[in-house]
Amino acid sequence: IFEYDLKKIIALSTLSQLGMMMFSISLGLYELAFFHLLTHALFKALLFLCAGILIHGAGNTQDIRSFGGLSLNFPLVTVCMNLANLSLCGVPFLAGFYSKDLIVELACQYSWGIFVLLMMFICLSLTVLYSVRLTYLSFVGPYGGGTSISVCESDYSLVGPVVILSFTSLVSGPILSWLNFPAPVLIFLPVFLKWGALFF
C-alpha cells in the first residue's frame, strides 16, 4: 500500500493473489485455486507488460510519483492497464471475477467462522485499495515532473501483445470457467454475504 516502485507494487500484488490461492487450498478448493492461478496469470502478465511500456516511455523511471497524468500520453496502455487492475479487483464479468468471487462465495457458504471471513474481506478491500492508488498516481493524479514519450504506443511489437492479453482478460474468465466446471455450482448465501465481496 505504501510502495512507490511500479514493478514492486505489481510483484507484491502477485503475493497477495498467491495468498488468495493458498486460502482456497486451505479450504480444500484445489480446483478453484488452479482456476484462479490461470486467470491471474493472464491479467498479471498484462499488468507487467503495461508497466514495462510505462517505464520505457517515462524515461526508465519506476517511481509512480514521477508519473501522473500519463493517460494523456498513453491512452491505449491506460485502458489496458485499468482493465487488468479491474480484473485483479474482481469487478464483475472480467477474468478475475469468475475465479475470485467463486472462492469468496464458497468460503462464505462453508461458514469457516467470522474471523476467517472478516480477514478474507479485509484482504479483498486491500487489493482494491492498492489498485486504485496505483491508477490514481499513474494516470489521474497531478503530473509528477518526469519525462514521458508516447512513441511507445506506435510500436506494434509492444502494443500488440498488450491488446491480445487485454482480450484474454475479458474472455478467459467465462471460457476457463466453462472448461473447468462444466456442471454449475449452486451456492446459497444470505444477501449481505452475497453482496459482501462486491461491497468490499
N, C-alpha and C. Protein backbone atom coordinates (compact mmCIF):
# COMPACT_ATOMS: atom_id res chain seq x y z
N ILE A 1 0.84 -1.20 0.00
CA ILE A 1 0.00 0.00 0.00
C ILE A 1 0.87 1.25 0.00
N PHE A 2 2.06 1.19 0.63
CA PHE A 2 2.92 2.37 0.75
C PHE A 2 4.10 2.33 -0.21
N GLU A 3 4.10 1.39 -1.15
CA GLU A 3 5.20 1.25 -2.10
C GLU A 3 5.03 2.23 -3.25
N TYR A 4 6.14 2.76 -3.76
CA TYR A 4 6.11 3.69 -4.89
C TYR A 4 6.77 3.14 -6.14
N ASP A 5 7.42 2.00 -6.04
CA ASP A 5 8.05 1.37 -7.20
C ASP A 5 6.99 0.59 -7.96
N LEU A 6 6.80 0.92 -9.24
CA LEU A 6 5.72 0.32 -10.03
C LEU A 6 5.85 -1.20 -10.11
N LYS A 7 7.05 -1.69 -10.38
CA LYS A 7 7.22 -3.14 -10.51
C LYS A 7 7.05 -3.85 -9.17
N LYS A 8 7.46 -3.20 -8.10
CA LYS A 8 7.29 -3.82 -6.78
C LYS A 8 5.82 -3.90 -6.39
N ILE A 9 5.05 -2.88 -6.75
CA ILE A 9 3.62 -2.91 -6.44
C ILE A 9 2.96 -4.11 -7.12
N ILE A 10 3.29 -4.31 -8.40
CA ILE A 10 2.69 -5.42 -9.14
C ILE A 10 3.20 -6.76 -8.61
N ALA A 11 4.49 -6.83 -8.25
CA ALA A 11 5.03 -8.07 -7.71
C ALA A 11 4.42 -8.40 -6.36
N LEU A 12 4.25 -7.40 -5.50
CA LEU A 12 3.63 -7.65 -4.20
C LEU A 12 2.15 -7.98 -4.35
N SER A 13 1.54 -7.45 -5.41
CA SER A 13 0.17 -7.82 -5.71
C SER A 13 0.07 -9.30 -6.07
N THR A 14 1.10 -9.81 -6.73
CA THR A 14 1.13 -11.25 -7.04
C THR A 14 1.17 -12.06 -5.75
N LEU A 15 1.92 -11.60 -4.76
CA LEU A 15 1.94 -12.31 -3.47
C LEU A 15 0.57 -12.30 -2.82
N SER A 16 -0.13 -11.19 -2.95
CA SER A 16 -1.48 -11.11 -2.41
C SER A 16 -2.40 -12.15 -3.05
N GLN A 17 -2.30 -12.28 -4.37
CA GLN A 17 -3.15 -13.26 -5.06
C GLN A 17 -2.71 -14.69 -4.77
N LEU A 18 -1.41 -14.90 -4.56
CA LEU A 18 -0.96 -16.23 -4.13
C LEU A 18 -1.53 -16.57 -2.76
N GLY A 19 -1.67 -15.55 -1.91
CA GLY A 19 -2.33 -15.76 -0.63
C GLY A 19 -3.77 -16.18 -0.81
N MET A 20 -4.44 -15.60 -1.81
CA MET A 20 -5.82 -15.99 -2.10
C MET A 20 -5.87 -17.45 -2.56
N MET A 21 -4.89 -17.85 -3.36
CA MET A 21 -4.85 -19.25 -3.81
C MET A 21 -4.57 -20.20 -2.65
N MET A 22 -3.67 -19.81 -1.73
CA MET A 22 -3.39 -20.64 -0.56
C MET A 22 -4.61 -20.73 0.35
N PHE A 23 -5.34 -19.63 0.45
CA PHE A 23 -6.58 -19.63 1.22
C PHE A 23 -7.57 -20.62 0.62
N SER A 24 -7.65 -20.62 -0.72
CA SER A 24 -8.54 -21.56 -1.40
C SER A 24 -8.10 -23.01 -1.15
N ILE A 25 -6.81 -23.26 -1.20
CA ILE A 25 -6.30 -24.61 -0.95
C ILE A 25 -6.59 -25.02 0.49
N SER A 26 -6.45 -24.07 1.43
CA SER A 26 -6.71 -24.39 2.84
C SER A 26 -8.17 -24.78 3.08
N LEU A 27 -9.06 -24.31 2.21
CA LEU A 27 -10.47 -24.68 2.32
C LEU A 27 -10.77 -25.97 1.58
N GLY A 28 -9.76 -26.54 0.92
CA GLY A 28 -9.96 -27.77 0.15
C GLY A 28 -10.46 -27.53 -1.26
N LEU A 29 -10.40 -26.30 -1.72
CA LEU A 29 -10.89 -25.94 -3.06
C LEU A 29 -9.71 -25.90 -4.04
N TYR A 30 -9.13 -27.06 -4.31
CA TYR A 30 -7.91 -27.12 -5.13
C TYR A 30 -8.17 -26.69 -6.57
N GLU A 31 -9.31 -27.11 -7.11
CA GLU A 31 -9.61 -26.77 -8.49
C GLU A 31 -9.80 -25.25 -8.65
N LEU A 32 -10.41 -24.63 -7.65
CA LEU A 32 -10.60 -23.18 -7.71
C LEU A 32 -9.27 -22.44 -7.60
N ALA A 33 -8.35 -22.96 -6.79
CA ALA A 33 -7.02 -22.34 -6.69
C ALA A 33 -6.30 -22.39 -8.04
N PHE A 34 -6.41 -23.53 -8.72
CA PHE A 34 -5.78 -23.65 -10.04
C PHE A 34 -6.47 -22.74 -11.05
N PHE A 35 -7.78 -22.65 -10.97
CA PHE A 35 -8.54 -21.77 -11.86
C PHE A 35 -8.12 -20.31 -11.65
N HIS A 36 -7.97 -19.91 -10.38
CA HIS A 36 -7.53 -18.55 -10.10
C HIS A 36 -6.09 -18.33 -10.57
N LEU A 37 -5.27 -19.36 -10.47
CA LEU A 37 -3.90 -19.26 -10.97
C LEU A 37 -3.87 -18.98 -12.47
N LEU A 38 -4.75 -19.64 -13.22
CA LEU A 38 -4.78 -19.45 -14.67
C LEU A 38 -5.27 -18.05 -15.04
N THR A 39 -6.38 -17.63 -14.46
CA THR A 39 -6.90 -16.31 -14.80
C THR A 39 -5.95 -15.21 -14.33
N HIS A 40 -5.38 -15.41 -13.13
CA HIS A 40 -4.45 -14.42 -12.60
C HIS A 40 -3.22 -14.28 -13.48
N ALA A 41 -2.75 -15.38 -14.04
CA ALA A 41 -1.56 -15.33 -14.90
C ALA A 41 -1.80 -14.43 -16.11
N LEU A 42 -3.01 -14.46 -16.65
CA LEU A 42 -3.29 -13.67 -17.85
C LEU A 42 -3.34 -12.18 -17.55
N PHE A 43 -4.10 -11.77 -16.53
CA PHE A 43 -4.18 -10.33 -16.31
C PHE A 43 -2.96 -9.79 -15.59
N LYS A 44 -2.20 -10.63 -14.88
CA LYS A 44 -0.96 -10.14 -14.28
C LYS A 44 0.13 -9.97 -15.33
N ALA A 45 0.14 -10.83 -16.35
CA ALA A 45 1.06 -10.64 -17.47
C ALA A 45 0.75 -9.33 -18.18
N LEU A 46 -0.53 -9.02 -18.33
CA LEU A 46 -0.93 -7.76 -18.93
C LEU A 46 -0.46 -6.58 -18.08
N LEU A 47 -0.58 -6.69 -16.76
CA LEU A 47 -0.12 -5.62 -15.88
C LEU A 47 1.38 -5.38 -16.02
N PHE A 48 2.16 -6.46 -16.08
CA PHE A 48 3.61 -6.32 -16.19
C PHE A 48 4.01 -5.74 -17.55
N LEU A 49 3.33 -6.14 -18.62
CA LEU A 49 3.64 -5.57 -19.93
C LEU A 49 3.31 -4.08 -19.98
N CYS A 50 2.16 -3.70 -19.44
CA CYS A 50 1.80 -2.28 -19.40
C CYS A 50 2.79 -1.49 -18.54
N ALA A 51 3.21 -2.08 -17.43
CA ALA A 51 4.19 -1.41 -16.58
C ALA A 51 5.50 -1.22 -17.33
N GLY A 52 5.92 -2.21 -18.11
CA GLY A 52 7.14 -2.08 -18.89
C GLY A 52 7.05 -0.96 -19.92
N ILE A 53 5.90 -0.85 -20.57
CA ILE A 53 5.71 0.23 -21.54
C ILE A 53 5.74 1.59 -20.85
N LEU A 54 5.10 1.69 -19.67
CA LEU A 54 5.10 2.96 -18.94
C LEU A 54 6.51 3.33 -18.49
N ILE A 55 7.25 2.35 -17.99
CA ILE A 55 8.62 2.62 -17.54
C ILE A 55 9.48 3.05 -18.72
N HIS A 56 9.33 2.36 -19.84
CA HIS A 56 10.10 2.71 -21.04
C HIS A 56 9.73 4.10 -21.55
N GLY A 57 8.45 4.41 -21.51
CA GLY A 57 8.01 5.70 -22.02
C GLY A 57 8.23 6.86 -21.07
N ALA A 58 8.43 6.56 -19.79
CA ALA A 58 8.61 7.62 -18.79
C ALA A 58 10.08 7.83 -18.45
N GLY A 59 10.95 7.53 -19.39
CA GLY A 59 12.38 7.79 -19.16
C GLY A 59 13.04 6.81 -18.23
N ASN A 60 12.57 5.55 -18.23
CA ASN A 60 13.15 4.46 -17.44
C ASN A 60 13.07 4.68 -15.93
N THR A 61 12.06 5.40 -15.49
CA THR A 61 11.84 5.54 -14.05
C THR A 61 10.70 4.62 -13.63
N GLN A 62 10.83 4.04 -12.44
CA GLN A 62 9.81 3.15 -11.92
C GLN A 62 9.01 3.81 -10.79
N ASP A 63 9.38 5.00 -10.40
CA ASP A 63 8.73 5.69 -9.29
C ASP A 63 7.41 6.29 -9.78
N ILE A 64 6.29 5.83 -9.24
CA ILE A 64 5.00 6.29 -9.73
C ILE A 64 4.72 7.73 -9.32
N ARG A 65 5.50 8.28 -8.39
CA ARG A 65 5.32 9.69 -8.02
C ARG A 65 5.75 10.62 -9.15
N SER A 66 6.62 10.12 -10.05
CA SER A 66 7.06 10.96 -11.16
C SER A 66 6.20 10.75 -12.41
N PHE A 67 5.15 9.92 -12.31
CA PHE A 67 4.26 9.71 -13.46
C PHE A 67 3.21 10.81 -13.49
N GLY A 68 2.04 10.50 -13.09
CA GLY A 68 0.95 11.47 -13.02
C GLY A 68 0.46 11.94 -14.38
N GLY A 69 -0.80 11.77 -14.65
CA GLY A 69 -1.40 12.24 -15.88
C GLY A 69 -0.93 11.53 -17.13
N LEU A 70 -0.46 10.28 -17.00
CA LEU A 70 0.03 9.56 -18.17
C LEU A 70 -1.08 9.10 -19.10
N SER A 71 -2.32 9.26 -18.68
CA SER A 71 -3.42 8.84 -19.55
C SER A 71 -3.49 9.67 -20.83
N LEU A 72 -2.96 10.88 -20.79
CA LEU A 72 -2.95 11.71 -21.99
C LEU A 72 -1.91 11.23 -23.00
N ASN A 73 -0.77 10.77 -22.52
CA ASN A 73 0.29 10.32 -23.41
C ASN A 73 0.17 8.85 -23.79
N PHE A 74 -0.47 8.05 -22.95
CA PHE A 74 -0.58 6.61 -23.18
C PHE A 74 -2.04 6.17 -23.06
N PRO A 75 -2.90 6.59 -23.97
CA PRO A 75 -4.33 6.24 -23.80
C PRO A 75 -4.61 4.75 -23.91
N LEU A 76 -3.98 4.05 -24.86
CA LEU A 76 -4.23 2.61 -25.02
C LEU A 76 -3.70 1.83 -23.84
N VAL A 77 -2.50 2.14 -23.39
CA VAL A 77 -1.91 1.46 -22.24
C VAL A 77 -2.73 1.75 -20.98
N THR A 78 -3.26 2.97 -20.88
CA THR A 78 -4.11 3.32 -19.74
C THR A 78 -5.35 2.44 -19.69
N VAL A 79 -6.00 2.28 -20.83
CA VAL A 79 -7.21 1.45 -20.89
C VAL A 79 -6.87 0.00 -20.54
N CYS A 80 -5.80 -0.52 -21.13
CA CYS A 80 -5.44 -1.92 -20.91
C CYS A 80 -5.01 -2.18 -19.48
N MET A 81 -4.23 -1.25 -18.91
CA MET A 81 -3.77 -1.45 -17.53
C MET A 81 -4.93 -1.32 -16.54
N ASN A 82 -5.85 -0.40 -16.81
CA ASN A 82 -7.02 -0.30 -15.94
C ASN A 82 -7.92 -1.52 -16.06
N LEU A 83 -8.00 -2.10 -17.26
CA LEU A 83 -8.74 -3.34 -17.44
C LEU A 83 -8.14 -4.46 -16.60
N ALA A 84 -6.80 -4.55 -16.61
CA ALA A 84 -6.13 -5.56 -15.80
C ALA A 84 -6.31 -5.29 -14.31
N ASN A 85 -6.25 -4.01 -13.90
CA ASN A 85 -6.47 -3.67 -12.49
C ASN A 85 -7.88 -3.99 -12.04
N LEU A 86 -8.86 -3.71 -12.89
CA LEU A 86 -10.25 -4.03 -12.54
C LEU A 86 -10.46 -5.54 -12.46
N SER A 87 -9.80 -6.27 -13.34
CA SER A 87 -9.89 -7.73 -13.29
C SER A 87 -9.25 -8.25 -12.01
N LEU A 88 -8.14 -7.64 -11.60
CA LEU A 88 -7.47 -8.00 -10.36
C LEU A 88 -8.38 -7.75 -9.16
N CYS A 89 -9.15 -6.67 -9.21
CA CYS A 89 -10.06 -6.33 -8.11
C CYS A 89 -11.29 -7.23 -8.08
N GLY A 90 -11.54 -7.97 -9.14
CA GLY A 90 -12.70 -8.86 -9.17
C GLY A 90 -13.97 -8.17 -9.61
N VAL A 91 -13.85 -7.16 -10.47
CA VAL A 91 -15.04 -6.48 -10.98
C VAL A 91 -15.84 -7.46 -11.83
N PRO A 92 -17.16 -7.49 -11.68
CA PRO A 92 -17.98 -8.48 -12.38
C PRO A 92 -17.75 -8.53 -13.88
N PHE A 93 -17.73 -9.76 -14.37
CA PHE A 93 -17.64 -10.12 -15.79
C PHE A 93 -16.27 -9.92 -16.39
N LEU A 94 -15.25 -9.64 -15.58
CA LEU A 94 -13.87 -9.71 -16.03
C LEU A 94 -13.27 -11.01 -15.51
N ALA A 95 -12.07 -11.36 -15.97
CA ALA A 95 -11.50 -12.68 -15.69
C ALA A 95 -11.35 -12.95 -14.19
N GLY A 96 -10.87 -11.97 -13.45
CA GLY A 96 -10.65 -12.19 -12.02
C GLY A 96 -11.92 -12.43 -11.25
N PHE A 97 -13.02 -11.90 -11.72
CA PHE A 97 -14.30 -12.07 -11.02
C PHE A 97 -14.72 -13.53 -10.97
N TYR A 98 -14.56 -14.24 -12.08
CA TYR A 98 -15.05 -15.61 -12.16
C TYR A 98 -14.32 -16.54 -11.20
N SER A 99 -13.04 -16.31 -10.99
CA SER A 99 -12.30 -17.18 -10.08
C SER A 99 -12.36 -16.68 -8.64
N LYS A 100 -12.14 -15.39 -8.45
CA LYS A 100 -12.06 -14.85 -7.09
C LYS A 100 -13.42 -14.87 -6.40
N ASP A 101 -14.47 -14.49 -7.11
CA ASP A 101 -15.79 -14.46 -6.50
C ASP A 101 -16.27 -15.86 -6.12
N LEU A 102 -15.90 -16.84 -6.91
CA LEU A 102 -16.29 -18.22 -6.58
C LEU A 102 -15.59 -18.69 -5.31
N ILE A 103 -14.32 -18.33 -5.15
CA ILE A 103 -13.60 -18.67 -3.92
C ILE A 103 -14.27 -18.00 -2.72
N VAL A 104 -14.59 -16.72 -2.86
CA VAL A 104 -15.20 -15.97 -1.76
C VAL A 104 -16.57 -16.53 -1.40
N GLU A 105 -17.38 -16.82 -2.40
CA GLU A 105 -18.73 -17.31 -2.12
C GLU A 105 -18.70 -18.70 -1.50
N LEU A 106 -17.83 -19.57 -1.97
CA LEU A 106 -17.75 -20.90 -1.37
C LEU A 106 -17.17 -20.83 0.04
N ALA A 107 -16.24 -19.90 0.29
CA ALA A 107 -15.73 -19.72 1.65
C ALA A 107 -16.84 -19.23 2.57
N CYS A 108 -17.71 -18.35 2.06
CA CYS A 108 -18.85 -17.89 2.87
C CYS A 108 -19.86 -19.00 3.10
N GLN A 109 -20.05 -19.84 2.09
CA GLN A 109 -21.04 -20.92 2.22
C GLN A 109 -20.59 -21.98 3.23
N TYR A 110 -19.28 -22.24 3.28
CA TYR A 110 -18.79 -23.27 4.19
C TYR A 110 -18.73 -22.79 5.64
N SER A 111 -18.93 -21.50 5.88
CA SER A 111 -19.01 -20.92 7.22
C SER A 111 -17.81 -21.32 8.08
N TRP A 112 -16.66 -20.79 7.72
CA TRP A 112 -15.43 -21.11 8.44
C TRP A 112 -15.22 -20.22 9.66
N GLY A 113 -16.20 -19.46 10.02
CA GLY A 113 -16.08 -18.59 11.19
C GLY A 113 -15.98 -17.14 10.77
N ILE A 114 -16.43 -16.27 11.66
CA ILE A 114 -16.49 -14.85 11.34
C ILE A 114 -15.10 -14.25 11.19
N PHE A 115 -14.10 -14.74 11.95
CA PHE A 115 -12.76 -14.19 11.87
C PHE A 115 -12.14 -14.46 10.50
N VAL A 116 -12.29 -15.68 10.01
CA VAL A 116 -11.72 -16.03 8.71
C VAL A 116 -12.39 -15.22 7.60
N LEU A 117 -13.71 -15.10 7.68
CA LEU A 117 -14.42 -14.32 6.66
C LEU A 117 -14.05 -12.85 6.72
N LEU A 118 -13.90 -12.32 7.93
CA LEU A 118 -13.53 -10.91 8.07
C LEU A 118 -12.14 -10.65 7.50
N MET A 119 -11.19 -11.55 7.78
CA MET A 119 -9.84 -11.39 7.23
C MET A 119 -9.86 -11.48 5.70
N MET A 120 -10.68 -12.37 5.17
CA MET A 120 -10.78 -12.51 3.71
C MET A 120 -11.33 -11.22 3.10
N PHE A 121 -12.36 -10.65 3.69
CA PHE A 121 -12.94 -9.42 3.15
C PHE A 121 -11.98 -8.23 3.30
N ILE A 122 -11.21 -8.19 4.38
CA ILE A 122 -10.22 -7.12 4.53
C ILE A 122 -9.15 -7.25 3.45
N CYS A 123 -8.71 -8.47 3.17
CA CYS A 123 -7.71 -8.67 2.10
C CYS A 123 -8.27 -8.26 0.74
N LEU A 124 -9.54 -8.55 0.49
CA LEU A 124 -10.16 -8.11 -0.77
C LEU A 124 -10.17 -6.59 -0.87
N SER A 125 -10.48 -5.92 0.23
CA SER A 125 -10.52 -4.45 0.18
C SER A 125 -9.13 -3.86 0.03
N LEU A 126 -8.11 -4.50 0.57
CA LEU A 126 -6.74 -4.01 0.39
C LEU A 126 -6.29 -4.13 -1.07
N THR A 127 -6.74 -5.19 -1.74
CA THR A 127 -6.43 -5.33 -3.17
C THR A 127 -7.00 -4.16 -3.96
N VAL A 128 -8.23 -3.80 -3.66
CA VAL A 128 -8.85 -2.66 -4.34
C VAL A 128 -8.12 -1.37 -3.99
N LEU A 129 -7.70 -1.24 -2.73
CA LEU A 129 -7.04 -0.02 -2.28
C LEU A 129 -5.73 0.23 -3.04
N TYR A 130 -4.85 -0.77 -3.12
CA TYR A 130 -3.59 -0.51 -3.81
C TYR A 130 -3.77 -0.43 -5.32
N SER A 131 -4.79 -1.06 -5.87
CA SER A 131 -5.04 -0.93 -7.31
C SER A 131 -5.53 0.47 -7.66
N VAL A 132 -6.44 1.01 -6.86
CA VAL A 132 -6.95 2.36 -7.10
C VAL A 132 -5.84 3.38 -6.88
N ARG A 133 -5.01 3.16 -5.88
CA ARG A 133 -3.88 4.07 -5.63
C ARG A 133 -2.92 4.07 -6.81
N LEU A 134 -2.61 2.90 -7.34
CA LEU A 134 -1.71 2.81 -8.50
C LEU A 134 -2.30 3.53 -9.70
N THR A 135 -3.58 3.34 -9.96
CA THR A 135 -4.23 4.01 -11.08
C THR A 135 -4.24 5.53 -10.89
N TYR A 136 -4.55 5.97 -9.69
CA TYR A 136 -4.61 7.42 -9.45
C TYR A 136 -3.25 8.07 -9.62
N LEU A 137 -2.22 7.52 -8.98
CA LEU A 137 -0.90 8.14 -9.04
C LEU A 137 -0.28 8.07 -10.43
N SER A 138 -0.63 7.05 -11.21
CA SER A 138 -0.02 6.89 -12.54
C SER A 138 -0.76 7.66 -13.61
N PHE A 139 -2.08 7.63 -13.59
CA PHE A 139 -2.84 8.13 -14.74
C PHE A 139 -3.67 9.38 -14.45
N VAL A 140 -4.21 9.50 -13.26
CA VAL A 140 -5.17 10.56 -12.98
C VAL A 140 -4.55 11.72 -12.22
N GLY A 141 -3.64 11.41 -11.31
CA GLY A 141 -3.09 12.40 -10.40
C GLY A 141 -2.31 13.49 -11.11
N PRO A 142 -1.84 14.46 -10.36
CA PRO A 142 -1.10 15.58 -10.95
C PRO A 142 0.22 15.11 -11.55
N TYR A 143 0.66 15.82 -12.55
CA TYR A 143 1.89 15.49 -13.25
C TYR A 143 3.07 15.53 -12.30
N GLY A 144 3.86 14.47 -12.28
CA GLY A 144 4.95 14.35 -11.32
C GLY A 144 6.26 14.96 -11.76
N GLY A 145 6.34 15.46 -12.96
CA GLY A 145 7.55 16.12 -13.41
C GLY A 145 8.50 15.25 -14.19
N GLY A 146 8.19 13.98 -14.35
CA GLY A 146 9.05 13.10 -15.12
C GLY A 146 8.85 13.29 -16.61
N THR A 147 9.82 12.82 -17.38
CA THR A 147 9.68 12.91 -18.84
C THR A 147 8.82 11.76 -19.33
N SER A 148 8.05 12.01 -20.36
CA SER A 148 7.23 10.94 -20.93
C SER A 148 7.17 11.12 -22.44
N ILE A 149 7.33 9.99 -23.13
CA ILE A 149 7.23 9.99 -24.58
C ILE A 149 6.17 8.98 -24.98
N SER A 150 5.33 9.35 -25.91
CA SER A 150 4.24 8.47 -26.30
C SER A 150 4.57 7.66 -27.54
N VAL A 151 5.87 7.61 -27.91
CA VAL A 151 6.25 6.85 -29.09
C VAL A 151 6.03 5.35 -28.88
N CYS A 152 5.95 4.93 -27.62
CA CYS A 152 5.79 3.50 -27.32
C CYS A 152 4.50 2.94 -27.91
N GLU A 153 3.45 3.74 -27.96
CA GLU A 153 2.17 3.23 -28.44
C GLU A 153 2.14 3.09 -29.95
N SER A 154 3.13 3.64 -30.65
CA SER A 154 3.19 3.44 -32.10
C SER A 154 4.02 2.21 -32.47
N ASP A 155 4.64 1.58 -31.48
CA ASP A 155 5.44 0.38 -31.71
C ASP A 155 4.53 -0.84 -31.54
N TYR A 156 4.20 -1.47 -32.66
CA TYR A 156 3.24 -2.58 -32.62
C TYR A 156 3.80 -3.82 -31.93
N SER A 157 5.12 -3.95 -31.88
CA SER A 157 5.69 -5.10 -31.17
C SER A 157 5.48 -4.96 -29.66
N LEU A 158 5.29 -3.73 -29.17
CA LEU A 158 4.96 -3.51 -27.77
C LEU A 158 3.46 -3.57 -27.52
N VAL A 159 2.70 -2.93 -28.38
CA VAL A 159 1.27 -2.78 -28.14
C VAL A 159 0.49 -4.04 -28.53
N GLY A 160 0.97 -4.78 -29.52
CA GLY A 160 0.25 -5.97 -29.98
C GLY A 160 -0.02 -6.99 -28.87
N PRO A 161 1.02 -7.43 -28.13
CA PRO A 161 0.77 -8.37 -27.03
C PRO A 161 -0.14 -7.80 -25.95
N VAL A 162 -0.07 -6.49 -25.72
CA VAL A 162 -0.93 -5.86 -24.71
C VAL A 162 -2.39 -5.96 -25.12
N VAL A 163 -2.68 -5.73 -26.40
CA VAL A 163 -4.06 -5.82 -26.89
C VAL A 163 -4.56 -7.26 -26.81
N ILE A 164 -3.71 -8.22 -27.17
CA ILE A 164 -4.10 -9.64 -27.11
C ILE A 164 -4.39 -10.05 -25.66
N LEU A 165 -3.52 -9.66 -24.73
CA LEU A 165 -3.74 -10.02 -23.33
C LEU A 165 -4.95 -9.28 -22.74
N SER A 166 -5.24 -8.09 -23.26
CA SER A 166 -6.46 -7.40 -22.82
C SER A 166 -7.70 -8.19 -23.21
N PHE A 167 -7.67 -8.73 -24.41
CA PHE A 167 -8.80 -9.55 -24.86
C PHE A 167 -8.94 -10.80 -23.98
N THR A 168 -7.81 -11.42 -23.62
CA THR A 168 -7.89 -12.61 -22.76
C THR A 168 -8.37 -12.24 -21.36
N SER A 169 -8.05 -11.02 -20.90
CA SER A 169 -8.55 -10.59 -19.58
C SER A 169 -10.06 -10.41 -19.58
N LEU A 170 -10.62 -10.20 -20.76
CA LEU A 170 -12.07 -10.08 -20.86
C LEU A 170 -12.76 -11.43 -20.95
N VAL A 171 -12.22 -12.34 -21.76
CA VAL A 171 -12.96 -13.57 -22.09
C VAL A 171 -12.44 -14.82 -21.41
N SER A 172 -11.25 -14.78 -20.80
CA SER A 172 -10.70 -16.02 -20.24
C SER A 172 -11.49 -16.50 -19.03
N GLY A 173 -12.09 -15.59 -18.27
CA GLY A 173 -12.84 -16.00 -17.09
C GLY A 173 -13.98 -16.94 -17.41
N PRO A 174 -14.94 -16.53 -18.26
CA PRO A 174 -16.04 -17.46 -18.56
C PRO A 174 -15.60 -18.69 -19.33
N ILE A 175 -14.64 -18.54 -20.24
CA ILE A 175 -14.21 -19.70 -21.03
C ILE A 175 -13.55 -20.74 -20.13
N LEU A 176 -12.61 -20.31 -19.27
CA LEU A 176 -11.96 -21.26 -18.37
C LEU A 176 -12.94 -21.81 -17.34
N SER A 177 -13.92 -21.01 -16.96
CA SER A 177 -14.93 -21.48 -16.02
C SER A 177 -15.76 -22.60 -16.64
N TRP A 178 -16.16 -22.42 -17.90
CA TRP A 178 -16.94 -23.46 -18.56
C TRP A 178 -16.11 -24.72 -18.81
N LEU A 179 -14.82 -24.55 -19.07
CA LEU A 179 -13.97 -25.71 -19.32
C LEU A 179 -13.66 -26.47 -18.03
N ASN A 180 -13.40 -25.74 -16.94
CA ASN A 180 -13.02 -26.39 -15.68
C ASN A 180 -14.22 -26.91 -14.90
N PHE A 181 -15.35 -26.23 -15.00
CA PHE A 181 -16.53 -26.60 -14.22
C PHE A 181 -17.74 -26.71 -15.14
N PRO A 182 -17.85 -27.82 -15.88
CA PRO A 182 -18.97 -27.93 -16.83
C PRO A 182 -20.33 -27.99 -16.13
N ALA A 183 -20.36 -28.51 -14.90
CA ALA A 183 -21.61 -28.55 -14.14
C ALA A 183 -21.69 -27.29 -13.29
N PRO A 184 -22.82 -26.59 -13.29
CA PRO A 184 -22.92 -25.35 -12.50
C PRO A 184 -22.87 -25.64 -11.00
N VAL A 185 -22.28 -24.70 -10.26
CA VAL A 185 -22.17 -24.80 -8.81
C VAL A 185 -23.30 -23.98 -8.20
N LEU A 186 -24.08 -24.61 -7.34
CA LEU A 186 -25.20 -23.93 -6.70
C LEU A 186 -24.76 -23.44 -5.33
N ILE A 187 -24.85 -22.13 -5.12
CA ILE A 187 -24.38 -21.52 -3.88
C ILE A 187 -25.55 -20.79 -3.23
N PHE A 188 -25.83 -21.12 -1.97
CA PHE A 188 -26.87 -20.46 -1.20
C PHE A 188 -26.22 -19.57 -0.16
N LEU A 189 -26.48 -18.27 -0.23
CA LEU A 189 -25.90 -17.32 0.72
C LEU A 189 -26.95 -16.29 1.11
N PRO A 190 -26.84 -15.76 2.34
CA PRO A 190 -27.68 -14.60 2.68
C PRO A 190 -27.29 -13.41 1.81
N VAL A 191 -28.20 -12.47 1.68
CA VAL A 191 -27.98 -11.34 0.78
C VAL A 191 -26.75 -10.53 1.19
N PHE A 192 -26.54 -10.30 2.49
CA PHE A 192 -25.42 -9.46 2.91
C PHE A 192 -24.08 -10.12 2.60
N LEU A 193 -24.02 -11.46 2.63
CA LEU A 193 -22.78 -12.14 2.24
C LEU A 193 -22.61 -12.17 0.73
N LYS A 194 -23.71 -12.30 0.02
CA LYS A 194 -23.65 -12.32 -1.44
C LYS A 194 -23.10 -11.00 -1.97
N TRP A 195 -23.52 -9.89 -1.36
CA TRP A 195 -23.05 -8.58 -1.78
C TRP A 195 -21.75 -8.16 -1.09
N GLY A 196 -21.28 -8.98 -0.15
CA GLY A 196 -20.10 -8.63 0.64
C GLY A 196 -18.87 -8.40 -0.21
N ALA A 197 -18.59 -9.34 -1.13
CA ALA A 197 -17.39 -9.23 -1.96
C ALA A 197 -17.44 -7.99 -2.84
N LEU A 198 -18.60 -7.72 -3.43
CA LEU A 198 -18.73 -6.53 -4.28
C LEU A 198 -18.63 -5.25 -3.45
N PHE A 199 -19.17 -5.27 -2.24
CA PHE A 199 -19.12 -4.10 -1.39
C PHE A 199 -17.67 -3.75 -1.01
N PHE A 200 -16.92 -4.80 -0.58
CA PHE A 200 -15.54 -4.55 -0.19
C PHE A 200 -14.68 -4.19 -1.38
